[in-house]
Amino acid sequence: MTVFDDRYPGVADLNPALLQALREAAIDAADDGVEFYVNSGWRSPEYQDQLLSEAVAEYGSESEAARWVATADTSPHVSGDAIDIGHSDAIAWLSEHGARYGLCQIYRNEPWHYELRPEATDHRCSRMYADPTQDPRMQQRPGPLADPGPPRGLPSVHFGAPSERPQGTQRWPEH
């Protein structure tokens, strides 16, 4: 799916300012022959919890999984404030031009993960964190696999099977 596919909650439920910036960038990128694909956008808390559980099983510990997958309480995907862009040409284009739209890569270990930083349009994107474990926002809530409390009532949505991910991307572009 692309940043224009409103029929998918992963796109439609993004923060409106983030979605507008992404669409403006995508239109300009298209002039350079680049198309933005969404590997993951908004996520339900239940789906985020599932991704975290799978990452713990994959990486063997909560601390190692935290380098790749946030809790539902801390993930900017759950709040609609992050997007994982697919295809290496789109990632390279955003790396070079994203600040002009306020779109910044946040983590060095996740070149596909972008969030809106409006101040970047006047200055530049802030220095990246090595990985999410260095991000203070990830420290504000209970740790991985904490009791999520009562059900949140939102549907669980999956935005792309591993077979749909572009070649060369990490398995866990999940913050």
N, C-alpha and C. Protein backbone atom coordinates (compact mmCIF):
# COMPACT_ATOMS: atom_id res chain seq x y z
N MET A 1 0.84 -1.18 0.00
CA MET A 1 0.00 0.00 0.00
C MET A 1 0.88 1.24 0.00
N THR A 2 0.32 2.32 -0.47
CA THR A 2 1.06 3.57 -0.52
C THR A 2 0.49 4.55 0.51
N VAL A 3 1.09 5.71 0.63
CA VAL A 3 0.62 6.71 1.59
C VAL A 3 -0.71 7.33 1.16
N PHE A 4 -1.21 6.95 -0.01
CA PHE A 4 -2.49 7.46 -0.50
C PHE A 4 -3.63 6.45 -0.33
N ASP A 5 -3.35 5.29 0.23
CA ASP A 5 -4.35 4.22 0.38
C ASP A 5 -5.14 4.37 1.67
N ASP A 6 -6.12 5.25 1.65
CA ASP A 6 -6.93 5.53 2.83
C ASP A 6 -7.83 4.38 3.26
N ARG A 7 -8.00 3.38 2.43
CA ARG A 7 -8.88 2.27 2.81
C ARG A 7 -8.25 1.37 3.87
N TYR A 8 -6.96 1.56 4.14
CA TYR A 8 -6.27 0.78 5.16
C TYR A 8 -6.09 1.60 6.43
N PRO A 9 -6.49 1.05 7.59
CA PRO A 9 -6.32 1.79 8.84
C PRO A 9 -4.87 2.18 9.11
N GLY A 10 -3.92 1.38 8.64
CA GLY A 10 -2.52 1.70 8.83
C GLY A 10 -2.12 3.03 8.23
N VAL A 11 -2.85 3.48 7.22
CA VAL A 11 -2.64 4.78 6.59
C VAL A 11 -3.67 5.78 7.10
N ALA A 12 -4.92 5.40 7.03
CA ALA A 12 -6.02 6.32 7.38
C ALA A 12 -5.96 6.80 8.82
N ASP A 13 -5.43 5.97 9.73
CA ASP A 13 -5.41 6.33 11.15
C ASP A 13 -4.10 6.96 11.60
N LEU A 14 -3.25 7.35 10.65
CA LEU A 14 -2.04 8.10 11.00
C LEU A 14 -2.43 9.50 11.47
N ASN A 15 -1.56 10.09 12.25
CA ASN A 15 -1.73 11.48 12.64
C ASN A 15 -1.90 12.31 11.36
N PRO A 16 -2.94 13.15 11.28
CA PRO A 16 -3.19 13.90 10.04
C PRO A 16 -2.00 14.75 9.57
N ALA A 17 -1.28 15.35 10.48
CA ALA A 17 -0.12 16.17 10.08
C ALA A 17 0.98 15.29 9.50
N LEU A 18 1.22 14.12 10.08
CA LEU A 18 2.21 13.18 9.54
C LEU A 18 1.77 12.73 8.15
N LEU A 19 0.51 12.38 8.01
CA LEU A 19 0.02 11.90 6.72
C LEU A 19 0.13 12.99 5.65
N GLN A 20 -0.18 14.22 6.00
CA GLN A 20 -0.06 15.32 5.04
C GLN A 20 1.39 15.50 4.60
N ALA A 21 2.31 15.48 5.56
CA ALA A 21 3.74 15.62 5.22
C ALA A 21 4.21 14.47 4.33
N LEU A 22 3.77 13.26 4.65
CA LEU A 22 4.15 12.09 3.84
C LEU A 22 3.63 12.22 2.42
N ARG A 23 2.39 12.67 2.29
CA ARG A 23 1.81 12.79 0.95
C ARG A 23 2.49 13.89 0.14
N GLU A 24 2.83 14.99 0.77
CA GLU A 24 3.55 16.04 0.06
C GLU A 24 4.91 15.53 -0.40
N ALA A 25 5.60 14.82 0.48
CA ALA A 25 6.90 14.26 0.12
C ALA A 25 6.75 13.22 -1.00
N ALA A 26 5.72 12.39 -0.91
CA ALA A 26 5.51 11.34 -1.91
C ALA A 26 5.25 11.95 -3.29
N ILE A 27 4.50 13.04 -3.34
CA ILE A 27 4.24 13.70 -4.63
C ILE A 27 5.55 14.21 -5.23
N ASP A 28 6.38 14.83 -4.41
CA ASP A 28 7.66 15.33 -4.90
C ASP A 28 8.61 14.19 -5.27
N ALA A 29 8.58 13.12 -4.47
CA ALA A 29 9.44 11.96 -4.77
C ALA A 29 9.03 11.31 -6.09
N ALA A 30 7.74 11.32 -6.38
CA ALA A 30 7.27 10.73 -7.64
C ALA A 30 7.89 11.45 -8.84
N ASP A 31 8.16 12.75 -8.71
CA ASP A 31 8.83 13.49 -9.78
C ASP A 31 10.24 12.94 -10.04
N ASP A 32 10.81 12.31 -9.02
CA ASP A 32 12.12 11.68 -9.16
C ASP A 32 12.01 10.19 -9.46
N GLY A 33 10.80 9.72 -9.72
CA GLY A 33 10.59 8.30 -10.03
C GLY A 33 10.55 7.39 -8.83
N VAL A 34 10.28 7.95 -7.64
CA VAL A 34 10.29 7.17 -6.40
C VAL A 34 8.87 7.10 -5.85
N GLU A 35 8.45 5.90 -5.45
CA GLU A 35 7.14 5.72 -4.85
C GLU A 35 7.30 5.25 -3.40
N PHE A 36 6.51 5.85 -2.53
CA PHE A 36 6.54 5.48 -1.10
C PHE A 36 5.56 4.35 -0.84
N TYR A 37 6.06 3.25 -0.32
CA TYR A 37 5.22 2.14 0.11
C TYR A 37 5.22 2.11 1.63
N VAL A 38 4.09 1.77 2.19
CA VAL A 38 3.95 1.71 3.65
C VAL A 38 4.13 0.26 4.09
N ASN A 39 5.20 -0.01 4.81
CA ASN A 39 5.37 -1.33 5.41
C ASN A 39 4.54 -1.44 6.67
N SER A 40 4.45 -0.34 7.40
CA SER A 40 3.64 -0.31 8.61
C SER A 40 3.39 1.13 8.99
N GLY A 41 2.17 1.40 9.40
CA GLY A 41 1.80 2.73 9.86
C GLY A 41 1.15 2.62 11.23
N TRP A 42 -0.10 3.09 11.34
CA TRP A 42 -0.82 2.95 12.60
C TRP A 42 -1.00 1.47 12.91
N ARG A 43 -0.93 1.13 14.20
CA ARG A 43 -1.15 -0.24 14.66
C ARG A 43 -2.06 -0.25 15.87
N SER A 44 -2.85 -1.28 15.98
CA SER A 44 -3.65 -1.45 17.19
C SER A 44 -2.72 -1.85 18.34
N PRO A 45 -3.09 -1.53 19.56
CA PRO A 45 -2.27 -1.97 20.70
C PRO A 45 -2.11 -3.49 20.75
N GLU A 46 -3.16 -4.21 20.39
CA GLU A 46 -3.07 -5.67 20.41
C GLU A 46 -2.04 -6.18 19.41
N TYR A 47 -2.02 -5.58 18.24
CA TYR A 47 -1.05 -6.00 17.24
C TYR A 47 0.37 -5.65 17.68
N GLN A 48 0.54 -4.49 18.29
CA GLN A 48 1.85 -4.10 18.79
C GLN A 48 2.32 -5.08 19.86
N ASP A 49 1.42 -5.49 20.74
CA ASP A 49 1.77 -6.49 21.77
C ASP A 49 2.18 -7.81 21.12
N GLN A 50 1.47 -8.19 20.06
CA GLN A 50 1.81 -9.43 19.35
C GLN A 50 3.21 -9.33 18.75
N LEU A 51 3.52 -8.19 18.13
CA LEU A 51 4.85 -7.99 17.54
C LEU A 51 5.94 -8.08 18.61
N LEU A 52 5.66 -7.50 19.78
CA LEU A 52 6.64 -7.55 20.86
C LEU A 52 6.85 -8.99 21.33
N SER A 53 5.78 -9.72 21.50
CA SER A 53 5.91 -11.13 21.93
C SER A 53 6.71 -11.93 20.91
N GLU A 54 6.45 -11.71 19.63
CA GLU A 54 7.19 -12.41 18.59
C GLU A 54 8.66 -12.02 18.60
N ALA A 55 8.94 -10.74 18.86
CA ALA A 55 10.34 -10.29 18.90
C ALA A 55 11.08 -10.89 20.09
N VAL A 56 10.42 -11.01 21.22
CA VAL A 56 11.05 -11.64 22.39
C VAL A 56 11.39 -13.10 22.05
N ALA A 57 10.47 -13.80 21.41
CA ALA A 57 10.74 -15.18 21.01
C ALA A 57 11.89 -15.24 20.00
N GLU A 58 11.92 -14.30 19.07
CA GLU A 58 12.95 -14.27 18.03
C GLU A 58 14.33 -13.93 18.59
N TYR A 59 14.40 -12.92 19.46
CA TYR A 59 15.69 -12.41 19.94
C TYR A 59 16.12 -12.98 21.28
N GLY A 60 15.22 -13.68 21.96
CA GLY A 60 15.61 -14.39 23.16
C GLY A 60 15.51 -13.63 24.46
N SER A 61 15.25 -12.34 24.42
CA SER A 61 15.12 -11.57 25.66
C SER A 61 14.32 -10.30 25.40
N GLU A 62 13.72 -9.79 26.46
CA GLU A 62 12.99 -8.53 26.36
C GLU A 62 13.93 -7.38 26.02
N SER A 63 15.13 -7.40 26.62
CA SER A 63 16.04 -6.28 26.38
C SER A 63 16.51 -6.23 24.93
N GLU A 64 16.77 -7.36 24.31
CA GLU A 64 17.19 -7.37 22.91
C GLU A 64 16.01 -7.04 21.99
N ALA A 65 14.84 -7.55 22.31
CA ALA A 65 13.64 -7.24 21.51
C ALA A 65 13.34 -5.75 21.54
N ALA A 66 13.63 -5.09 22.66
CA ALA A 66 13.34 -3.65 22.81
C ALA A 66 14.16 -2.80 21.83
N ARG A 67 15.22 -3.36 21.27
CA ARG A 67 15.99 -2.63 20.26
C ARG A 67 15.21 -2.50 18.95
N TRP A 68 14.14 -3.32 18.79
CA TRP A 68 13.42 -3.38 17.53
C TRP A 68 11.91 -3.15 17.67
N VAL A 69 11.34 -3.47 18.81
CA VAL A 69 9.89 -3.39 18.96
C VAL A 69 9.54 -2.76 20.30
N ALA A 70 8.71 -1.73 20.25
CA ALA A 70 8.28 -1.03 21.47
C ALA A 70 7.04 -1.70 22.06
N THR A 71 6.74 -1.33 23.29
CA THR A 71 5.50 -1.77 23.91
C THR A 71 4.34 -0.99 23.28
N ALA A 72 3.15 -1.50 23.45
CA ALA A 72 1.97 -0.78 22.95
C ALA A 72 1.83 0.57 23.64
N ASP A 73 2.29 0.67 24.88
CA ASP A 73 2.20 1.94 25.61
C ASP A 73 3.17 3.00 25.10
N THR A 74 4.26 2.59 24.49
CA THR A 74 5.27 3.56 24.07
C THR A 74 5.43 3.68 22.56
N SER A 75 4.90 2.76 21.79
CA SER A 75 5.12 2.78 20.35
C SER A 75 4.43 3.97 19.68
N PRO A 76 5.18 4.76 18.92
CA PRO A 76 4.55 5.84 18.17
C PRO A 76 3.65 5.33 17.04
N HIS A 77 3.77 4.05 16.69
CA HIS A 77 2.85 3.49 15.70
C HIS A 77 1.43 3.41 16.27
N VAL A 78 1.31 3.06 17.53
CA VAL A 78 -0.01 2.92 18.15
C VAL A 78 -0.72 4.26 18.22
N SER A 79 0.02 5.32 18.42
CA SER A 79 -0.58 6.66 18.46
C SER A 79 -0.74 7.27 17.06
N GLY A 80 -0.25 6.57 16.03
CA GLY A 80 -0.34 7.08 14.66
C GLY A 80 0.73 8.09 14.31
N ASP A 81 1.81 8.11 15.09
CA ASP A 81 2.85 9.11 14.92
C ASP A 81 4.12 8.60 14.24
N ALA A 82 4.06 7.40 13.66
CA ALA A 82 5.25 6.84 12.99
C ALA A 82 4.83 6.02 11.80
N ILE A 83 5.75 5.93 10.86
CA ILE A 83 5.51 5.12 9.66
C ILE A 83 6.82 4.43 9.29
N ASP A 84 6.69 3.21 8.80
CA ASP A 84 7.83 2.47 8.27
C ASP A 84 7.66 2.44 6.75
N ILE A 85 8.59 3.08 6.06
CA ILE A 85 8.54 3.21 4.60
C ILE A 85 9.29 2.06 3.96
N GLY A 86 8.74 1.56 2.88
CA GLY A 86 9.36 0.46 2.17
C GLY A 86 10.04 0.88 0.90
N HIS A 87 10.89 0.00 0.43
CA HIS A 87 11.69 0.09 -0.78
C HIS A 87 12.89 1.03 -0.54
N SER A 88 14.03 0.52 -0.86
CA SER A 88 15.27 1.24 -0.56
C SER A 88 15.36 2.60 -1.25
N ASP A 89 14.77 2.74 -2.44
CA ASP A 89 14.84 4.05 -3.11
C ASP A 89 14.03 5.10 -2.35
N ALA A 90 12.90 4.71 -1.77
CA ALA A 90 12.10 5.65 -0.98
C ALA A 90 12.82 6.01 0.32
N ILE A 91 13.45 5.03 0.94
CA ILE A 91 14.21 5.29 2.16
C ILE A 91 15.37 6.24 1.87
N ALA A 92 16.06 6.00 0.77
CA ALA A 92 17.18 6.88 0.40
C ALA A 92 16.67 8.29 0.08
N TRP A 93 15.53 8.40 -0.61
CA TRP A 93 14.98 9.71 -0.94
C TRP A 93 14.61 10.46 0.33
N LEU A 94 13.94 9.79 1.26
CA LEU A 94 13.57 10.44 2.52
C LEU A 94 14.79 10.82 3.34
N SER A 95 15.80 9.99 3.31
CA SER A 95 17.02 10.30 4.04
C SER A 95 17.62 11.61 3.55
N GLU A 96 17.56 11.83 2.26
CA GLU A 96 18.12 13.05 1.67
C GLU A 96 17.19 14.26 1.77
N HIS A 97 15.88 14.05 1.60
CA HIS A 97 14.94 15.16 1.47
C HIS A 97 13.91 15.27 2.59
N GLY A 98 13.84 14.29 3.46
CA GLY A 98 12.76 14.23 4.45
C GLY A 98 12.65 15.44 5.36
N ALA A 99 13.76 16.01 5.79
CA ALA A 99 13.72 17.15 6.71
C ALA A 99 12.95 18.32 6.13
N ARG A 100 12.97 18.49 4.82
CA ARG A 100 12.24 19.56 4.17
C ARG A 100 10.73 19.47 4.47
N TYR A 101 10.26 18.26 4.78
CA TYR A 101 8.84 18.01 5.07
C TYR A 101 8.60 17.76 6.56
N GLY A 102 9.68 17.83 7.34
CA GLY A 102 9.59 17.53 8.76
C GLY A 102 9.61 16.04 9.05
N LEU A 103 10.01 15.24 8.09
CA LEU A 103 10.04 13.78 8.24
C LEU A 103 11.46 13.35 8.58
N CYS A 104 11.61 12.77 9.76
CA CYS A 104 12.94 12.44 10.26
C CYS A 104 13.07 10.97 10.63
N GLN A 105 14.21 10.41 10.27
CA GLN A 105 14.57 9.08 10.76
C GLN A 105 14.96 9.26 12.22
N ILE A 106 14.44 8.43 13.08
CA ILE A 106 14.63 8.59 14.52
C ILE A 106 15.73 7.68 15.06
N TYR A 107 15.84 6.47 14.49
CA TYR A 107 16.78 5.47 15.00
C TYR A 107 17.76 5.06 13.90
N ARG A 108 19.05 5.03 14.25
CA ARG A 108 20.07 4.61 13.27
C ARG A 108 19.86 3.17 12.82
N ASN A 109 19.36 2.31 13.70
CA ASN A 109 19.20 0.91 13.33
C ASN A 109 17.91 0.65 12.55
N GLU A 110 17.10 1.68 12.32
CA GLU A 110 15.85 1.51 11.59
C GLU A 110 15.72 2.60 10.51
N PRO A 111 16.40 2.43 9.39
CA PRO A 111 16.37 3.48 8.36
C PRO A 111 15.00 3.67 7.73
N TRP A 112 14.09 2.76 7.93
CA TRP A 112 12.74 2.83 7.37
C TRP A 112 11.76 3.58 8.26
N HIS A 113 12.10 3.82 9.52
CA HIS A 113 11.18 4.39 10.52
C HIS A 113 11.28 5.92 10.52
N TYR A 114 10.15 6.57 10.21
CA TYR A 114 10.09 8.03 10.16
C TYR A 114 8.98 8.57 11.04
N GLU A 115 9.26 9.71 11.64
CA GLU A 115 8.27 10.42 12.44
C GLU A 115 8.30 11.90 12.04
N LEU A 116 7.22 12.60 12.34
CA LEU A 116 7.12 14.00 12.01
C LEU A 116 7.80 14.85 13.07
N ARG A 117 8.71 15.70 12.63
CA ARG A 117 9.39 16.68 13.48
C ARG A 117 9.30 18.02 12.76
N PRO A 118 8.21 18.77 12.95
CA PRO A 118 8.00 20.01 12.18
C PRO A 118 9.15 21.00 12.27
N GLU A 119 9.85 21.04 13.39
CA GLU A 119 10.97 21.97 13.54
C GLU A 119 12.11 21.67 12.56
N ALA A 120 12.14 20.47 12.02
CA ALA A 120 13.20 20.09 11.08
C ALA A 120 13.11 20.87 9.78
N THR A 121 11.92 21.36 9.44
CA THR A 121 11.79 22.11 8.18
C THR A 121 12.60 23.39 8.20
N ASP A 122 12.81 23.97 9.39
CA ASP A 122 13.61 25.20 9.51
C ASP A 122 15.07 24.93 9.84
N HIS A 123 15.33 23.82 10.46
CA HIS A 123 16.69 23.53 10.92
C HIS A 123 17.19 22.25 10.26
N ARG A 124 17.08 21.18 10.91
CA ARG A 124 17.45 19.86 10.42
C ARG A 124 16.85 18.85 11.37
N CYS A 125 16.88 17.63 10.98
CA CYS A 125 16.43 16.58 11.89
C CYS A 125 17.41 16.48 13.06
N SER A 126 16.88 16.17 14.22
CA SER A 126 17.72 15.99 15.40
C SER A 126 18.62 14.78 15.21
N ARG A 127 19.64 14.71 16.02
CA ARG A 127 20.53 13.56 15.99
C ARG A 127 19.75 12.30 16.32
N MET A 128 20.02 11.23 15.61
CA MET A 128 19.30 9.98 15.80
C MET A 128 19.77 9.26 17.05
N TYR A 129 18.85 8.49 17.61
CA TYR A 129 19.22 7.54 18.67
C TYR A 129 19.81 6.31 18.01
N ALA A 130 20.71 5.63 18.70
CA ALA A 130 21.29 4.41 18.15
C ALA A 130 20.20 3.38 17.88
N ASP A 131 19.29 3.23 18.82
CA ASP A 131 18.14 2.35 18.68
C ASP A 131 17.10 2.79 19.71
N PRO A 132 15.92 2.21 19.70
CA PRO A 132 14.86 2.68 20.60
C PRO A 132 15.19 2.59 22.09
N THR A 133 16.12 1.74 22.48
CA THR A 133 16.45 1.66 23.91
C THR A 133 17.11 2.94 24.40
N GLN A 134 17.61 3.78 23.47
CA GLN A 134 18.24 5.05 23.84
C GLN A 134 17.25 6.21 23.85
N ASP A 135 16.02 5.97 23.39
CA ASP A 135 14.99 7.00 23.27
C ASP A 135 14.27 7.18 24.61
N PRO A 136 14.32 8.35 25.21
CA PRO A 136 13.67 8.57 26.51
C PRO A 136 12.17 8.29 26.49
N ARG A 137 11.53 8.44 25.36
CA ARG A 137 10.10 8.15 25.28
C ARG A 137 9.80 6.68 25.57
N MET A 138 10.75 5.83 25.30
CA MET A 138 10.54 4.40 25.53
C MET A 138 10.70 4.03 27.01
N GLN A 139 11.21 4.95 27.81
CA GLN A 139 11.44 4.70 29.24
C GLN A 139 10.29 5.18 30.11
N GLN A 140 9.28 5.82 29.53
CA GLN A 140 8.23 6.47 30.30
C GLN A 140 7.14 5.54 30.78
N ARG A 141 7.10 4.34 30.33
CA ARG A 141 6.01 3.41 30.66
C ARG A 141 6.58 2.12 31.21
N PRO A 142 5.70 1.24 31.68
CA PRO A 142 6.17 -0.06 32.14
C PRO A 142 6.95 -0.76 31.04
N GLY A 143 7.85 -1.64 31.44
CA GLY A 143 8.72 -2.32 30.50
C GLY A 143 7.98 -3.28 29.59
N PRO A 144 8.73 -3.91 28.69
CA PRO A 144 8.15 -4.85 27.75
C PRO A 144 7.37 -5.95 28.47
N LEU A 145 6.30 -6.33 27.86
CA LEU A 145 5.44 -7.42 28.31
C LEU A 145 4.78 -7.15 29.65
N ALA A 146 4.68 -5.89 30.05
CA ALA A 146 3.94 -5.55 31.26
C ALA A 146 2.46 -5.87 31.03
N ASP A 147 1.74 -6.10 32.10
CA ASP A 147 0.31 -6.39 32.00
C ASP A 147 -0.38 -5.22 31.30
N PRO A 148 -1.00 -5.46 30.15
CA PRO A 148 -1.61 -4.36 29.41
C PRO A 148 -2.93 -3.88 30.01
N GLY A 149 -3.43 -4.53 31.05
CA GLY A 149 -4.69 -4.12 31.65
C GLY A 149 -5.86 -4.64 30.84
N PRO A 150 -7.01 -3.99 30.99
CA PRO A 150 -8.20 -4.48 30.29
C PRO A 150 -8.08 -4.29 28.79
N PRO A 151 -8.81 -5.08 28.02
CA PRO A 151 -8.76 -4.93 26.56
C PRO A 151 -9.10 -3.50 26.16
N ARG A 152 -8.44 -3.05 25.11
CA ARG A 152 -8.61 -1.68 24.65
C ARG A 152 -9.75 -1.53 23.66
N GLY A 153 -10.29 -2.63 23.17
CA GLY A 153 -11.45 -2.57 22.30
C GLY A 153 -11.17 -2.21 20.86
N LEU A 154 -9.91 -2.15 20.45
CA LEU A 154 -9.59 -1.83 19.07
C LEU A 154 -9.30 -3.11 18.31
N PRO A 155 -9.65 -3.17 17.05
CA PRO A 155 -9.39 -4.39 16.29
C PRO A 155 -7.90 -4.58 16.05
N SER A 156 -7.49 -5.81 15.99
CA SER A 156 -6.11 -6.12 15.66
C SER A 156 -5.98 -6.11 14.14
N VAL A 157 -4.98 -5.39 13.65
CA VAL A 157 -4.81 -5.24 12.21
C VAL A 157 -3.36 -5.56 11.87
N HIS A 158 -3.18 -6.33 10.82
CA HIS A 158 -1.84 -6.68 10.36
C HIS A 158 -1.61 -5.97 9.03
N PHE A 159 -0.46 -5.31 8.88
CA PHE A 159 -0.19 -4.50 7.71
C PHE A 159 0.91 -5.04 6.84
N GLY A 160 0.89 -6.27 6.55
CA GLY A 160 1.87 -6.77 5.60
C GLY A 160 2.59 -8.00 6.12
N ALA A 161 2.47 -9.06 5.39
CA ALA A 161 3.15 -10.29 5.74
C ALA A 161 4.63 -10.14 5.44
N PRO A 162 5.48 -10.94 6.11
CA PRO A 162 6.92 -10.84 5.82
C PRO A 162 7.22 -11.01 4.34
N SER A 163 6.43 -11.81 3.62
CA SER A 163 6.67 -12.00 2.19
C SER A 163 6.41 -10.73 1.40
N GLU A 164 5.66 -9.77 1.98
CA GLU A 164 5.36 -8.52 1.29
C GLU A 164 6.41 -7.45 1.55
N ARG A 165 7.32 -7.68 2.48
CA ARG A 165 8.33 -6.68 2.80
C ARG A 165 9.38 -6.65 1.70
N PRO A 166 9.90 -5.49 1.41
CA PRO A 166 10.93 -5.40 0.37
C PRO A 166 12.18 -6.17 0.76
N GLN A 167 12.84 -6.72 -0.23
CA GLN A 167 14.07 -7.44 0.05
C GLN A 167 15.08 -6.50 0.68
N GLY A 168 15.87 -7.06 1.58
CA GLY A 168 16.94 -6.28 2.19
C GLY A 168 16.52 -5.53 3.43
N THR A 169 15.23 -5.62 3.84
CA THR A 169 14.83 -4.94 5.06
C THR A 169 14.92 -5.92 6.21
N GLN A 170 15.11 -5.38 7.40
CA GLN A 170 15.17 -6.19 8.61
C GLN A 170 13.81 -6.82 8.84
N ARG A 171 13.78 -7.86 9.63
CA ARG A 171 12.52 -8.53 9.92
C ARG A 171 11.64 -7.68 10.80
N TRP A 172 12.20 -6.85 11.66
CA TRP A 172 11.40 -6.17 12.67
C TRP A 172 11.40 -4.66 12.51
N PRO A 173 10.87 -4.12 11.45
CA PRO A 173 10.72 -2.64 11.37
C PRO A 173 9.46 -2.24 12.11
N GLU A 174 9.41 -2.40 13.41
CA GLU A 174 8.15 -2.40 14.12
C GLU A 174 7.95 -1.30 15.16
N HIS A 175 8.78 -0.30 15.28
CA HIS A 175 8.53 0.73 16.28
C HIS A 175 7.48 1.58 15.74
